Amino acid sequence: MSTCSRCGNLVEFRYVNGRCIPLHLYGSCIGDGTPRVNDYSGYNTSYESTCFCTNCPECGDEVFFIRHNGGSVWIDPPLGPPWYKHDCFDTLPRTTLVSTYRISGIKENGDLRHVIGIVKSTCVEYLKTYTEVVLETGESENIELKLRNNAGFLLGKLCIYNKKSETIWPVEEPTYIFELYKPAPLSTELINCPECNAKLNSKNLNKHLRRQHGHS
């Protein structure tokens, strides 16, 4: 379970109206507000976790090597589900990487709408309205995403990115879902000023009335 970045107490995350919201188990944030744990502000990079394409040292086949959470695994291509573990390093018959985790809505048989990878870096915007992340998938180019709110805790985690729904979540904590950040589009609607009939952007009407016509 995660901890609050302000008071250090246990929190649970819930996905409400498109936002990932931390809920304190004790009802509210307890403490003086001084951060006691990492709030992931600014830019951070994970040097321990990685995901890259290579050749199996045993049989020479193409494989993806993933290291995260203090361990490592080799999986067969492609990057889509069901992410089979490579036979040379799997003691069980044809097991999958994510079979032990509760993950819903993922189709198998090469469904490449879902991509698995390591979050190598995060950059949390100053006001924490969005987070820029780099997802290392083992391909020639990493996937750069801008997520809503503070998604800094994804740093170094093995995550699944759904291209269709434009969401991402950590494999080990599938309830912590983050959406892509999409800023509200600027209004381009033109209206007429009620005083002089001039055409202007609707968001500038009040400013125009104050400056040009003395409205308070």
N, C-alpha and C. Protein backbone atom coordinates (compact mmCIF):
# COMPACT_ATOMS: atom_id res chain seq x y z
N MET A 1 0.85 -1.19 0.00
CA MET A 1 0.00 0.00 0.00
C MET A 1 0.88 1.24 0.00
N SER A 2 0.44 2.31 -0.67
CA SER A 2 1.24 3.52 -0.80
C SER A 2 1.10 4.40 0.44
N THR A 3 1.99 5.39 0.53
CA THR A 3 1.96 6.33 1.64
C THR A 3 1.81 7.75 1.11
N CYS A 4 1.21 8.61 1.93
CA CYS A 4 1.00 10.01 1.57
C CYS A 4 2.33 10.74 1.50
N SER A 5 2.49 11.57 0.46
CA SER A 5 3.75 12.30 0.31
C SER A 5 3.87 13.47 1.28
N ARG A 6 2.76 13.82 1.99
CA ARG A 6 2.80 14.93 2.93
C ARG A 6 2.94 14.47 4.38
N CYS A 7 2.13 13.47 4.78
CA CYS A 7 2.15 13.07 6.19
C CYS A 7 2.78 11.70 6.41
N GLY A 8 3.00 10.92 5.33
CA GLY A 8 3.64 9.63 5.47
C GLY A 8 2.73 8.51 5.90
N ASN A 9 1.42 8.78 6.08
CA ASN A 9 0.49 7.75 6.48
C ASN A 9 -0.05 6.99 5.27
N LEU A 10 -0.68 5.83 5.55
CA LEU A 10 -1.16 4.96 4.48
C LEU A 10 -2.31 5.60 3.71
N VAL A 11 -2.27 5.45 2.38
CA VAL A 11 -3.36 5.93 1.53
C VAL A 11 -3.72 4.84 0.53
N GLU A 12 -4.95 4.91 0.06
CA GLU A 12 -5.44 4.03 -0.99
C GLU A 12 -5.87 4.90 -2.16
N PHE A 13 -5.58 4.48 -3.39
CA PHE A 13 -5.92 5.28 -4.55
C PHE A 13 -7.23 4.80 -5.15
N ARG A 14 -8.06 5.77 -5.57
CA ARG A 14 -9.31 5.48 -6.25
C ARG A 14 -9.40 6.32 -7.51
N TYR A 15 -9.95 5.73 -8.56
CA TYR A 15 -10.09 6.40 -9.84
C TYR A 15 -11.49 7.02 -9.90
N VAL A 16 -11.59 8.37 -9.76
CA VAL A 16 -12.87 9.06 -9.68
C VAL A 16 -12.94 10.15 -10.74
N ASN A 17 -13.92 10.04 -11.64
CA ASN A 17 -14.12 11.05 -12.69
C ASN A 17 -12.85 11.34 -13.48
N GLY A 18 -12.13 10.28 -13.81
CA GLY A 18 -10.94 10.44 -14.62
C GLY A 18 -9.71 10.86 -13.86
N ARG A 19 -9.77 10.94 -12.54
CA ARG A 19 -8.62 11.36 -11.74
C ARG A 19 -8.25 10.27 -10.75
N CYS A 20 -6.93 10.08 -10.59
CA CYS A 20 -6.43 9.13 -9.60
C CYS A 20 -6.27 9.88 -8.28
N ILE A 21 -7.12 9.55 -7.28
CA ILE A 21 -7.20 10.32 -6.04
C ILE A 21 -6.76 9.47 -4.86
N PRO A 22 -5.81 9.99 -4.02
CA PRO A 22 -5.41 9.25 -2.81
C PRO A 22 -6.40 9.49 -1.68
N LEU A 23 -6.82 8.42 -1.04
CA LEU A 23 -7.74 8.50 0.09
C LEU A 23 -7.04 8.01 1.36
N HIS A 24 -7.00 8.87 2.38
CA HIS A 24 -6.36 8.50 3.63
C HIS A 24 -7.21 7.50 4.40
N LEU A 25 -6.54 6.49 4.96
CA LEU A 25 -7.26 5.48 5.72
C LEU A 25 -7.83 6.05 7.01
N TYR A 26 -7.23 7.17 7.49
CA TYR A 26 -7.68 7.76 8.75
C TYR A 26 -8.59 8.96 8.52
N GLY A 27 -9.03 9.14 7.27
CA GLY A 27 -10.02 10.17 6.99
C GLY A 27 -9.46 11.48 6.47
N SER A 28 -8.23 11.83 6.82
CA SER A 28 -7.65 13.08 6.36
C SER A 28 -6.14 13.02 6.49
N CYS A 29 -5.50 14.03 5.95
CA CYS A 29 -4.03 14.10 6.03
C CYS A 29 -3.65 14.49 7.46
N ILE A 30 -2.86 13.64 8.13
CA ILE A 30 -2.47 13.86 9.52
C ILE A 30 -1.04 14.38 9.56
N GLY A 31 -0.82 15.49 10.22
CA GLY A 31 0.52 16.02 10.35
C GLY A 31 0.56 17.50 10.01
N ASP A 32 1.76 18.06 9.99
CA ASP A 32 1.91 19.50 9.78
C ASP A 32 2.09 19.87 8.31
N GLY A 33 1.99 18.88 7.42
CA GLY A 33 2.12 19.18 6.00
C GLY A 33 3.54 19.15 5.50
N THR A 34 4.51 18.94 6.37
CA THR A 34 5.90 18.87 5.94
C THR A 34 6.17 17.51 5.30
N PRO A 35 6.63 17.50 4.04
CA PRO A 35 6.84 16.21 3.37
C PRO A 35 7.82 15.33 4.13
N ARG A 36 7.43 14.06 4.34
CA ARG A 36 8.30 13.11 5.02
C ARG A 36 8.76 12.00 4.08
N VAL A 37 8.12 11.90 2.93
CA VAL A 37 8.52 10.90 1.96
C VAL A 37 8.61 11.57 0.61
N ASN A 38 9.11 10.84 -0.38
CA ASN A 38 9.32 11.40 -1.70
C ASN A 38 8.00 11.77 -2.36
N ASP A 39 7.85 13.05 -2.77
CA ASP A 39 6.65 13.45 -3.50
C ASP A 39 6.91 13.52 -5.00
N TYR A 40 8.11 13.07 -5.41
CA TYR A 40 8.47 12.91 -6.82
C TYR A 40 8.48 14.22 -7.59
N SER A 41 8.65 15.34 -6.91
CA SER A 41 8.67 16.62 -7.61
C SER A 41 9.84 16.68 -8.57
N GLY A 42 9.64 17.41 -9.67
CA GLY A 42 10.72 17.63 -10.62
C GLY A 42 11.04 16.40 -11.45
N TYR A 43 12.27 16.36 -11.95
CA TYR A 43 12.71 15.30 -12.85
C TYR A 43 13.44 14.20 -12.08
N ASN A 44 13.08 12.93 -12.35
CA ASN A 44 13.73 11.80 -11.71
C ASN A 44 13.98 10.70 -12.73
N THR A 45 15.07 9.97 -12.55
CA THR A 45 15.43 8.88 -13.46
C THR A 45 15.70 7.61 -12.67
N SER A 46 15.25 6.47 -13.23
CA SER A 46 15.53 5.17 -12.62
C SER A 46 16.71 4.53 -13.34
N TYR A 47 17.76 4.23 -12.59
CA TYR A 47 18.95 3.60 -13.17
C TYR A 47 18.94 2.08 -12.95
N GLU A 48 18.15 1.61 -11.99
CA GLU A 48 18.14 0.19 -11.67
C GLU A 48 17.24 -0.61 -12.62
N SER A 49 16.05 -0.08 -12.92
CA SER A 49 15.09 -0.80 -13.76
C SER A 49 15.39 -0.55 -15.23
N THR A 50 15.14 -1.58 -16.05
CA THR A 50 15.41 -1.44 -17.48
C THR A 50 14.62 -2.46 -18.28
N CYS A 51 14.47 -2.19 -19.56
CA CYS A 51 13.81 -3.10 -20.49
C CYS A 51 14.46 -2.91 -21.85
N PHE A 52 15.05 -3.98 -22.39
CA PHE A 52 15.69 -3.84 -23.69
C PHE A 52 15.65 -5.17 -24.45
N CYS A 53 15.76 -5.05 -25.77
CA CYS A 53 15.74 -6.22 -26.65
C CYS A 53 17.16 -6.74 -26.80
N THR A 54 17.32 -8.07 -26.70
CA THR A 54 18.64 -8.67 -26.80
C THR A 54 18.50 -10.10 -27.32
N ASN A 55 19.56 -10.86 -27.26
CA ASN A 55 19.52 -12.27 -27.65
C ASN A 55 19.74 -13.15 -26.43
N CYS A 56 19.00 -14.25 -26.36
CA CYS A 56 19.12 -15.17 -25.24
C CYS A 56 20.55 -15.73 -25.19
N PRO A 57 21.21 -15.68 -24.04
CA PRO A 57 22.57 -16.22 -23.93
C PRO A 57 22.62 -17.73 -24.06
N GLU A 58 21.46 -18.39 -23.95
CA GLU A 58 21.42 -19.85 -24.04
C GLU A 58 21.17 -20.33 -25.47
N CYS A 59 20.10 -19.83 -26.11
CA CYS A 59 19.71 -20.33 -27.43
C CYS A 59 19.92 -19.33 -28.55
N GLY A 60 20.16 -18.06 -28.21
CA GLY A 60 20.41 -17.04 -29.21
C GLY A 60 19.17 -16.39 -29.80
N ASP A 61 17.96 -16.81 -29.39
CA ASP A 61 16.73 -16.21 -29.91
C ASP A 61 16.56 -14.78 -29.40
N GLU A 62 15.78 -14.00 -30.14
CA GLU A 62 15.48 -12.63 -29.73
C GLU A 62 14.56 -12.66 -28.51
N VAL A 63 14.92 -11.91 -27.48
CA VAL A 63 14.12 -11.85 -26.25
C VAL A 63 14.14 -10.42 -25.73
N PHE A 64 13.22 -10.15 -24.82
CA PHE A 64 13.22 -8.88 -24.09
C PHE A 64 13.63 -9.15 -22.66
N PHE A 65 14.63 -8.41 -22.20
CA PHE A 65 15.11 -8.56 -20.83
C PHE A 65 14.54 -7.42 -20.00
N ILE A 66 13.87 -7.75 -18.89
CA ILE A 66 13.26 -6.76 -18.01
C ILE A 66 13.82 -6.93 -16.61
N ARG A 67 14.30 -5.82 -16.02
CA ARG A 67 14.76 -5.84 -14.64
C ARG A 67 13.98 -4.78 -13.87
N HIS A 68 13.33 -5.20 -12.79
CA HIS A 68 12.57 -4.26 -11.96
C HIS A 68 12.31 -4.89 -10.61
N ASN A 69 12.10 -4.03 -9.62
CA ASN A 69 11.71 -4.48 -8.28
C ASN A 69 12.68 -5.51 -7.70
N GLY A 70 13.96 -5.36 -8.00
CA GLY A 70 14.98 -6.24 -7.44
C GLY A 70 15.13 -7.58 -8.13
N GLY A 71 14.38 -7.82 -9.21
CA GLY A 71 14.47 -9.09 -9.93
C GLY A 71 14.56 -8.86 -11.43
N SER A 72 14.55 -9.94 -12.20
CA SER A 72 14.63 -9.82 -13.65
C SER A 72 13.88 -10.97 -14.30
N VAL A 73 13.52 -10.78 -15.58
CA VAL A 73 12.77 -11.79 -16.32
C VAL A 73 13.09 -11.63 -17.80
N TRP A 74 13.03 -12.74 -18.54
CA TRP A 74 13.20 -12.74 -19.99
C TRP A 74 11.86 -13.12 -20.60
N ILE A 75 11.38 -12.34 -21.57
CA ILE A 75 10.11 -12.67 -22.21
C ILE A 75 10.29 -12.72 -23.73
N ASP A 76 9.43 -13.52 -24.36
CA ASP A 76 9.47 -13.66 -25.81
C ASP A 76 8.73 -12.51 -26.48
N PRO A 77 9.17 -12.09 -27.67
CA PRO A 77 8.41 -11.11 -28.43
C PRO A 77 7.12 -11.74 -28.95
N PRO A 78 6.09 -10.90 -29.28
CA PRO A 78 6.10 -9.44 -29.32
C PRO A 78 5.81 -8.83 -27.95
N LEU A 79 5.72 -7.50 -27.91
CA LEU A 79 5.51 -6.82 -26.64
C LEU A 79 4.06 -6.91 -26.15
N GLY A 80 3.15 -7.37 -27.00
CA GLY A 80 1.75 -7.47 -26.59
C GLY A 80 1.49 -8.70 -25.73
N PRO A 81 0.28 -8.75 -25.11
CA PRO A 81 -0.07 -9.90 -24.28
C PRO A 81 -0.06 -11.19 -25.09
N PRO A 82 0.18 -12.35 -24.48
CA PRO A 82 0.21 -12.59 -23.02
C PRO A 82 1.60 -12.51 -22.38
N TRP A 83 2.61 -12.00 -23.10
CA TRP A 83 3.94 -11.84 -22.53
C TRP A 83 4.48 -13.13 -21.93
N TYR A 84 4.73 -14.09 -22.77
CA TYR A 84 5.25 -15.38 -22.31
C TYR A 84 6.70 -15.25 -21.85
N LYS A 85 6.99 -15.88 -20.74
CA LYS A 85 8.37 -15.96 -20.27
C LYS A 85 9.17 -16.87 -21.21
N HIS A 86 10.43 -16.50 -21.43
CA HIS A 86 11.28 -17.27 -22.34
C HIS A 86 11.61 -18.63 -21.73
N ASP A 87 11.48 -19.70 -22.54
CA ASP A 87 11.60 -21.07 -22.04
C ASP A 87 12.95 -21.36 -21.39
N CYS A 88 14.01 -20.77 -21.88
CA CYS A 88 15.35 -21.09 -21.35
C CYS A 88 15.50 -20.70 -19.89
N PHE A 89 14.68 -19.74 -19.43
CA PHE A 89 14.81 -19.28 -18.05
C PHE A 89 13.52 -19.44 -17.27
N ASP A 90 12.62 -20.28 -17.77
CA ASP A 90 11.34 -20.49 -17.11
C ASP A 90 11.22 -21.96 -16.72
N THR A 91 11.14 -22.22 -15.44
CA THR A 91 11.09 -23.60 -14.96
C THR A 91 9.69 -24.21 -15.12
N LEU A 92 8.67 -23.35 -15.31
CA LEU A 92 7.31 -23.83 -15.48
C LEU A 92 6.97 -23.87 -16.97
N PRO A 93 6.04 -24.72 -17.38
CA PRO A 93 5.70 -24.82 -18.80
C PRO A 93 4.93 -23.60 -19.30
N ARG A 94 5.57 -22.82 -20.18
CA ARG A 94 4.95 -21.72 -20.91
C ARG A 94 4.09 -20.81 -20.04
N THR A 95 4.70 -20.22 -19.03
CA THR A 95 3.97 -19.31 -18.15
C THR A 95 4.07 -17.89 -18.68
N THR A 96 3.21 -17.02 -18.15
CA THR A 96 3.19 -15.64 -18.60
C THR A 96 3.72 -14.72 -17.51
N LEU A 97 4.18 -13.57 -17.94
CA LEU A 97 4.79 -12.62 -17.01
C LEU A 97 3.78 -12.06 -16.03
N VAL A 98 2.56 -11.80 -16.48
CA VAL A 98 1.59 -11.11 -15.64
C VAL A 98 0.48 -12.02 -15.13
N SER A 99 0.67 -13.33 -15.20
CA SER A 99 -0.40 -14.25 -14.82
C SER A 99 -0.74 -14.18 -13.34
N THR A 100 0.21 -13.74 -12.51
CA THR A 100 -0.05 -13.71 -11.07
C THR A 100 -0.73 -12.43 -10.63
N TYR A 101 -0.94 -11.48 -11.55
CA TYR A 101 -1.53 -10.20 -11.19
C TYR A 101 -2.96 -10.10 -11.71
N ARG A 102 -3.79 -9.36 -10.99
CA ARG A 102 -5.18 -9.17 -11.40
C ARG A 102 -5.26 -8.05 -12.42
N ILE A 103 -5.33 -8.41 -13.69
CA ILE A 103 -5.38 -7.44 -14.77
C ILE A 103 -6.58 -7.76 -15.64
N SER A 104 -7.48 -6.80 -15.77
CA SER A 104 -8.70 -7.04 -16.54
C SER A 104 -8.64 -6.30 -17.87
N GLY A 105 -9.41 -6.79 -18.82
CA GLY A 105 -9.56 -6.10 -20.09
C GLY A 105 -8.42 -6.28 -21.06
N ILE A 106 -7.52 -7.21 -20.82
CA ILE A 106 -6.38 -7.43 -21.71
C ILE A 106 -6.62 -8.69 -22.51
N LYS A 107 -6.65 -8.54 -23.82
CA LYS A 107 -6.80 -9.69 -24.70
C LYS A 107 -5.43 -10.27 -25.02
N GLU A 108 -5.41 -11.55 -25.29
CA GLU A 108 -4.16 -12.21 -25.62
C GLU A 108 -4.01 -12.32 -27.14
N ASN A 109 -3.19 -13.25 -27.57
CA ASN A 109 -2.97 -13.51 -28.99
C ASN A 109 -2.45 -12.28 -29.74
N GLY A 110 -1.43 -11.66 -29.18
CA GLY A 110 -0.76 -10.59 -29.89
C GLY A 110 -1.52 -9.28 -29.98
N ASP A 111 -2.32 -8.96 -28.97
CA ASP A 111 -3.05 -7.70 -28.94
C ASP A 111 -2.06 -6.58 -28.62
N LEU A 112 -1.60 -5.85 -29.65
CA LEU A 112 -0.56 -4.85 -29.44
C LEU A 112 -1.12 -3.50 -29.01
N ARG A 113 -2.41 -3.46 -28.67
CA ARG A 113 -2.92 -2.22 -28.08
C ARG A 113 -2.33 -2.04 -26.68
N HIS A 114 -1.89 -3.13 -26.07
CA HIS A 114 -1.28 -3.07 -24.75
C HIS A 114 0.22 -3.29 -24.88
N VAL A 115 0.99 -2.38 -24.32
CA VAL A 115 2.44 -2.46 -24.36
C VAL A 115 2.97 -2.50 -22.94
N ILE A 116 3.96 -3.33 -22.71
CA ILE A 116 4.55 -3.42 -21.38
C ILE A 116 5.94 -2.81 -21.42
N GLY A 117 6.32 -2.14 -20.33
CA GLY A 117 7.63 -1.51 -20.29
C GLY A 117 7.94 -0.93 -18.93
N ILE A 118 9.14 -0.40 -18.81
CA ILE A 118 9.62 0.20 -17.57
C ILE A 118 9.55 1.73 -17.68
N VAL A 119 9.01 2.38 -16.66
CA VAL A 119 9.05 3.84 -16.61
C VAL A 119 10.43 4.27 -16.18
N LYS A 120 11.21 4.78 -17.15
CA LYS A 120 12.62 5.12 -16.88
C LYS A 120 12.78 6.49 -16.25
N SER A 121 11.90 7.43 -16.58
CA SER A 121 12.04 8.77 -16.01
C SER A 121 10.67 9.42 -15.86
N THR A 122 10.58 10.32 -14.90
CA THR A 122 9.36 11.10 -14.68
C THR A 122 9.74 12.55 -14.46
N CYS A 123 8.89 13.45 -14.92
CA CYS A 123 9.09 14.87 -14.68
C CYS A 123 7.74 15.45 -14.28
N VAL A 124 7.59 15.71 -12.98
CA VAL A 124 6.33 16.21 -12.45
C VAL A 124 6.30 17.73 -12.59
N GLU A 125 5.27 18.23 -13.25
CA GLU A 125 5.11 19.67 -13.44
C GLU A 125 4.99 20.37 -12.09
N TYR A 126 5.41 21.63 -12.02
CA TYR A 126 5.51 22.35 -10.75
C TYR A 126 4.22 22.32 -9.96
N LEU A 127 3.07 22.52 -10.63
CA LEU A 127 1.78 22.52 -9.93
C LEU A 127 1.18 21.12 -9.85
N LYS A 128 1.91 20.12 -10.36
CA LYS A 128 1.50 18.72 -10.31
C LYS A 128 0.19 18.47 -11.07
N THR A 129 -0.04 19.24 -12.12
CA THR A 129 -1.22 19.00 -12.96
C THR A 129 -0.95 17.92 -14.00
N TYR A 130 0.32 17.68 -14.30
CA TYR A 130 0.66 16.61 -15.23
C TYR A 130 2.07 16.13 -14.96
N THR A 131 2.38 14.93 -15.49
CA THR A 131 3.70 14.33 -15.35
C THR A 131 4.15 13.79 -16.69
N GLU A 132 5.34 14.16 -17.11
CA GLU A 132 5.92 13.61 -18.33
C GLU A 132 6.72 12.36 -17.98
N VAL A 133 6.42 11.25 -18.64
CA VAL A 133 7.10 10.00 -18.35
C VAL A 133 7.69 9.42 -19.64
N VAL A 134 8.76 8.66 -19.48
CA VAL A 134 9.38 7.93 -20.59
C VAL A 134 9.25 6.45 -20.30
N LEU A 135 8.57 5.73 -21.19
CA LEU A 135 8.34 4.30 -21.04
C LEU A 135 9.31 3.54 -21.93
N GLU A 136 10.21 2.78 -21.31
CA GLU A 136 11.20 1.99 -22.05
C GLU A 136 10.61 0.61 -22.33
N THR A 137 10.42 0.29 -23.62
CA THR A 137 9.76 -0.95 -24.01
C THR A 137 10.69 -1.95 -24.65
N GLY A 138 11.95 -1.60 -24.84
CA GLY A 138 12.88 -2.50 -25.49
C GLY A 138 12.95 -2.29 -26.99
N GLU A 139 12.07 -1.46 -27.55
CA GLU A 139 12.11 -1.14 -28.96
C GLU A 139 13.16 -0.07 -29.21
N SER A 140 13.34 0.29 -30.50
CA SER A 140 14.38 1.27 -30.85
C SER A 140 14.08 2.65 -30.26
N GLU A 141 12.80 2.98 -30.10
CA GLU A 141 12.42 4.28 -29.55
C GLU A 141 11.54 4.09 -28.32
N ASN A 142 11.80 4.90 -27.29
CA ASN A 142 10.96 4.86 -26.11
C ASN A 142 9.64 5.58 -26.38
N ILE A 143 8.65 5.33 -25.52
CA ILE A 143 7.36 5.99 -25.63
C ILE A 143 7.30 7.13 -24.62
N GLU A 144 7.07 8.34 -25.11
CA GLU A 144 6.97 9.50 -24.24
C GLU A 144 5.49 9.84 -24.03
N LEU A 145 5.09 9.95 -22.76
CA LEU A 145 3.69 10.19 -22.42
C LEU A 145 3.59 11.36 -21.45
N LYS A 146 2.48 12.07 -21.51
CA LYS A 146 2.18 13.12 -20.54
C LYS A 146 0.91 12.69 -19.81
N LEU A 147 1.03 12.42 -18.50
CA LEU A 147 -0.06 11.86 -17.71
C LEU A 147 -0.68 12.92 -16.81
N ARG A 148 -1.94 12.74 -16.50
CA ARG A 148 -2.63 13.67 -15.62
C ARG A 148 -2.12 13.53 -14.19
N ASN A 149 -2.03 14.69 -13.51
CA ASN A 149 -1.69 14.74 -12.09
C ASN A 149 -0.26 14.27 -11.82
N ASN A 150 0.01 13.97 -10.56
CA ASN A 150 1.34 13.54 -10.14
C ASN A 150 1.46 12.03 -10.29
N ALA A 151 2.16 11.60 -11.34
CA ALA A 151 2.35 10.16 -11.58
C ALA A 151 3.79 9.76 -11.31
N GLY A 152 4.47 10.50 -10.44
CA GLY A 152 5.87 10.25 -10.19
C GLY A 152 6.16 8.90 -9.56
N PHE A 153 5.19 8.33 -8.85
CA PHE A 153 5.46 7.06 -8.18
C PHE A 153 5.59 5.89 -9.17
N LEU A 154 5.28 6.14 -10.46
CA LEU A 154 5.46 5.10 -11.48
C LEU A 154 6.94 4.89 -11.82
N LEU A 155 7.79 5.77 -11.36
CA LEU A 155 9.22 5.69 -11.68
C LEU A 155 9.79 4.32 -11.32
N GLY A 156 10.42 3.67 -12.31
CA GLY A 156 11.07 2.39 -12.09
C GLY A 156 10.13 1.20 -12.07
N LYS A 157 8.82 1.43 -12.25
CA LYS A 157 7.85 0.34 -12.17
C LYS A 157 7.59 -0.26 -13.55
N LEU A 158 7.28 -1.54 -13.54
CA LEU A 158 6.86 -2.24 -14.75
C LEU A 158 5.40 -1.90 -14.99
N CYS A 159 5.10 -1.26 -16.13
CA CYS A 159 3.76 -0.74 -16.38
C CYS A 159 3.19 -1.26 -17.70
N ILE A 160 1.87 -1.21 -17.79
CA ILE A 160 1.16 -1.56 -19.01
C ILE A 160 0.49 -0.31 -19.55
N TYR A 161 0.74 -0.03 -20.83
CA TYR A 161 0.16 1.13 -21.49
C TYR A 161 -0.88 0.67 -22.50
N ASN A 162 -2.11 1.12 -22.33
CA ASN A 162 -3.20 0.80 -23.25
C ASN A 162 -3.32 1.94 -24.26
N LYS A 163 -2.93 1.67 -25.49
CA LYS A 163 -2.94 2.71 -26.52
C LYS A 163 -4.36 3.17 -26.86
N LYS A 164 -5.32 2.24 -26.79
CA LYS A 164 -6.68 2.58 -27.19
C LYS A 164 -7.35 3.49 -26.16
N SER A 165 -7.29 3.10 -24.89
CA SER A 165 -7.93 3.91 -23.85
C SER A 165 -7.03 5.03 -23.35
N GLU A 166 -5.76 5.03 -23.79
CA GLU A 166 -4.78 6.05 -23.40
C GLU A 166 -4.65 6.12 -21.88
N THR A 167 -4.43 4.94 -21.29
CA THR A 167 -4.22 4.84 -19.85
C THR A 167 -2.98 3.98 -19.59
N ILE A 168 -2.41 4.14 -18.40
CA ILE A 168 -1.24 3.36 -18.01
C ILE A 168 -1.35 3.02 -16.54
N TRP A 169 -0.87 1.84 -16.17
CA TRP A 169 -0.93 1.42 -14.76
C TRP A 169 0.22 0.46 -14.48
N PRO A 170 0.68 0.40 -13.21
CA PRO A 170 1.73 -0.55 -12.84
C PRO A 170 1.19 -1.97 -12.77
N VAL A 171 1.98 -2.93 -13.24
CA VAL A 171 1.55 -4.33 -13.27
C VAL A 171 1.19 -4.83 -11.88
N GLU A 172 1.96 -4.44 -10.88
CA GLU A 172 1.75 -4.96 -9.53
C GLU A 172 0.62 -4.25 -8.79
N GLU A 173 0.19 -3.08 -9.30
CA GLU A 173 -0.89 -2.32 -8.66
C GLU A 173 -1.85 -1.83 -9.74
N PRO A 174 -2.62 -2.74 -10.36
CA PRO A 174 -3.43 -2.39 -11.52
C PRO A 174 -4.59 -1.44 -11.23
N THR A 175 -4.88 -1.16 -9.97
CA THR A 175 -5.97 -0.22 -9.67
C THR A 175 -5.50 1.23 -9.76
N TYR A 176 -4.20 1.47 -9.83
CA TYR A 176 -3.67 2.82 -9.92
C TYR A 176 -3.56 3.21 -11.40
N ILE A 177 -4.63 3.69 -11.97
CA ILE A 177 -4.70 3.97 -13.40
C ILE A 177 -4.53 5.46 -13.65
N PHE A 178 -3.68 5.80 -14.60
CA PHE A 178 -3.46 7.19 -14.97
C PHE A 178 -3.86 7.40 -16.43
N GLU A 179 -4.56 8.51 -16.68
CA GLU A 179 -4.94 8.89 -18.03
C GLU A 179 -3.92 9.84 -18.64
N LEU A 180 -3.89 9.88 -19.97
CA LEU A 180 -3.07 10.86 -20.64
C LEU A 180 -3.63 12.26 -20.37
N TYR A 181 -2.72 13.20 -20.24
CA TYR A 181 -3.11 14.59 -19.97
C TYR A 181 -3.49 15.28 -21.28
N LYS A 182 -4.68 15.86 -21.28
CA LYS A 182 -5.16 16.59 -22.45
C LYS A 182 -5.66 17.95 -22.00
N PRO A 183 -4.88 19.00 -22.22
CA PRO A 183 -5.32 20.34 -21.79
C PRO A 183 -6.59 20.75 -22.51
N ALA A 184 -7.42 21.52 -21.82
CA ALA A 184 -8.67 21.98 -22.41
C ALA A 184 -8.38 22.86 -23.63
N PRO A 185 -9.07 22.62 -24.73
CA PRO A 185 -8.82 23.43 -25.93
C PRO A 185 -9.21 24.88 -25.72
N LEU A 186 -8.45 25.78 -26.31
CA LEU A 186 -8.76 27.20 -26.22
C LEU A 186 -9.99 27.52 -27.06
N SER A 187 -10.85 28.34 -26.52
CA SER A 187 -12.06 28.70 -27.24
C SER A 187 -11.72 29.61 -28.42
N THR A 188 -12.30 29.30 -29.57
CA THR A 188 -12.08 30.13 -30.78
C THR A 188 -13.39 30.78 -31.23
N GLU A 189 -14.41 30.68 -30.40
CA GLU A 189 -15.71 31.25 -30.78
C GLU A 189 -15.66 32.77 -30.76
N LEU A 190 -16.11 33.40 -31.85
CA LEU A 190 -16.15 34.86 -31.95
C LEU A 190 -17.57 35.34 -31.68
N ILE A 191 -17.67 36.39 -30.87
CA ILE A 191 -18.97 36.99 -30.57
C ILE A 191 -18.88 38.49 -30.81
N ASN A 192 -20.04 39.15 -30.84
CA ASN A 192 -20.10 40.59 -31.05
C ASN A 192 -20.18 41.31 -29.72
N CYS A 193 -19.41 42.38 -29.59
CA CYS A 193 -19.49 43.21 -28.40
C CYS A 193 -20.86 43.89 -28.37
N PRO A 194 -21.58 43.84 -27.23
CA PRO A 194 -22.91 44.46 -27.16
C PRO A 194 -22.86 45.99 -27.23
N GLU A 195 -21.69 46.59 -27.05
CA GLU A 195 -21.57 48.04 -27.07
C GLU A 195 -21.18 48.58 -28.45
N CYS A 196 -20.14 47.96 -29.05
CA CYS A 196 -19.62 48.48 -30.32
C CYS A 196 -19.73 47.50 -31.47
N ASN A 197 -20.26 46.33 -31.19
CA ASN A 197 -20.47 45.29 -32.21
C ASN A 197 -19.17 44.73 -32.78
N ALA A 198 -18.06 44.99 -32.12
CA ALA A 198 -16.78 44.45 -32.59
C ALA A 198 -16.74 42.94 -32.34
N LYS A 199 -16.12 42.22 -33.26
CA LYS A 199 -15.98 40.77 -33.11
C LYS A 199 -14.74 40.47 -32.29
N LEU A 200 -14.87 39.60 -31.31
CA LEU A 200 -13.74 39.25 -30.46
C LEU A 200 -13.98 37.87 -29.87
N ASN A 201 -12.90 37.27 -29.37
CA ASN A 201 -12.97 35.97 -28.73
C ASN A 201 -13.80 36.08 -27.46
N SER A 202 -14.65 35.08 -27.22
CA SER A 202 -15.57 35.14 -26.07
C SER A 202 -14.84 35.29 -24.75
N LYS A 203 -13.64 34.71 -24.65
CA LYS A 203 -12.91 34.80 -23.37
C LYS A 203 -12.36 36.19 -23.12
N ASN A 204 -12.32 37.04 -24.16
CA ASN A 204 -11.80 38.40 -24.00
C ASN A 204 -12.89 39.45 -23.85
N LEU A 205 -14.17 39.02 -23.81
CA LEU A 205 -15.26 39.98 -23.78
C LEU A 205 -15.21 40.87 -22.54
N ASN A 206 -15.05 40.29 -21.36
CA ASN A 206 -15.05 41.08 -20.13
C ASN A 206 -13.90 42.08 -20.11
N LYS A 207 -12.73 41.65 -20.55
CA LYS A 207 -11.58 42.56 -20.61
C LYS A 207 -11.86 43.72 -21.58
N HIS A 208 -12.47 43.40 -22.73
CA HIS A 208 -12.78 44.43 -23.72
C HIS A 208 -13.78 45.45 -23.16
N LEU A 209 -14.80 44.95 -22.46
CA LEU A 209 -15.81 45.85 -21.90
C LEU A 209 -15.21 46.78 -20.85
N ARG A 210 -14.27 46.27 -20.06
CA ARG A 210 -13.64 47.12 -19.05
C ARG A 210 -12.74 48.18 -19.68
N ARG A 211 -11.93 47.76 -20.62
CA ARG A 211 -10.94 48.69 -21.18
C ARG A 211 -11.54 49.68 -22.17
N GLN A 212 -12.46 49.23 -23.01
CA GLN A 212 -12.98 50.07 -24.08
C GLN A 212 -14.26 50.83 -23.69
N HIS A 213 -15.01 50.26 -22.75
CA HIS A 213 -16.32 50.87 -22.46
C HIS A 213 -16.53 51.20 -20.98
N GLY A 214 -15.50 51.05 -20.18
CA GLY A 214 -15.54 51.49 -18.79
C GLY A 214 -16.41 50.66 -17.89
N HIS A 215 -16.72 49.41 -18.26
CA HIS A 215 -17.52 48.56 -17.38
C HIS A 215 -16.69 48.13 -16.17
N SER A 216 -17.33 47.98 -15.04
CA SER A 216 -16.61 47.55 -13.84
C SER A 216 -16.57 46.04 -13.75
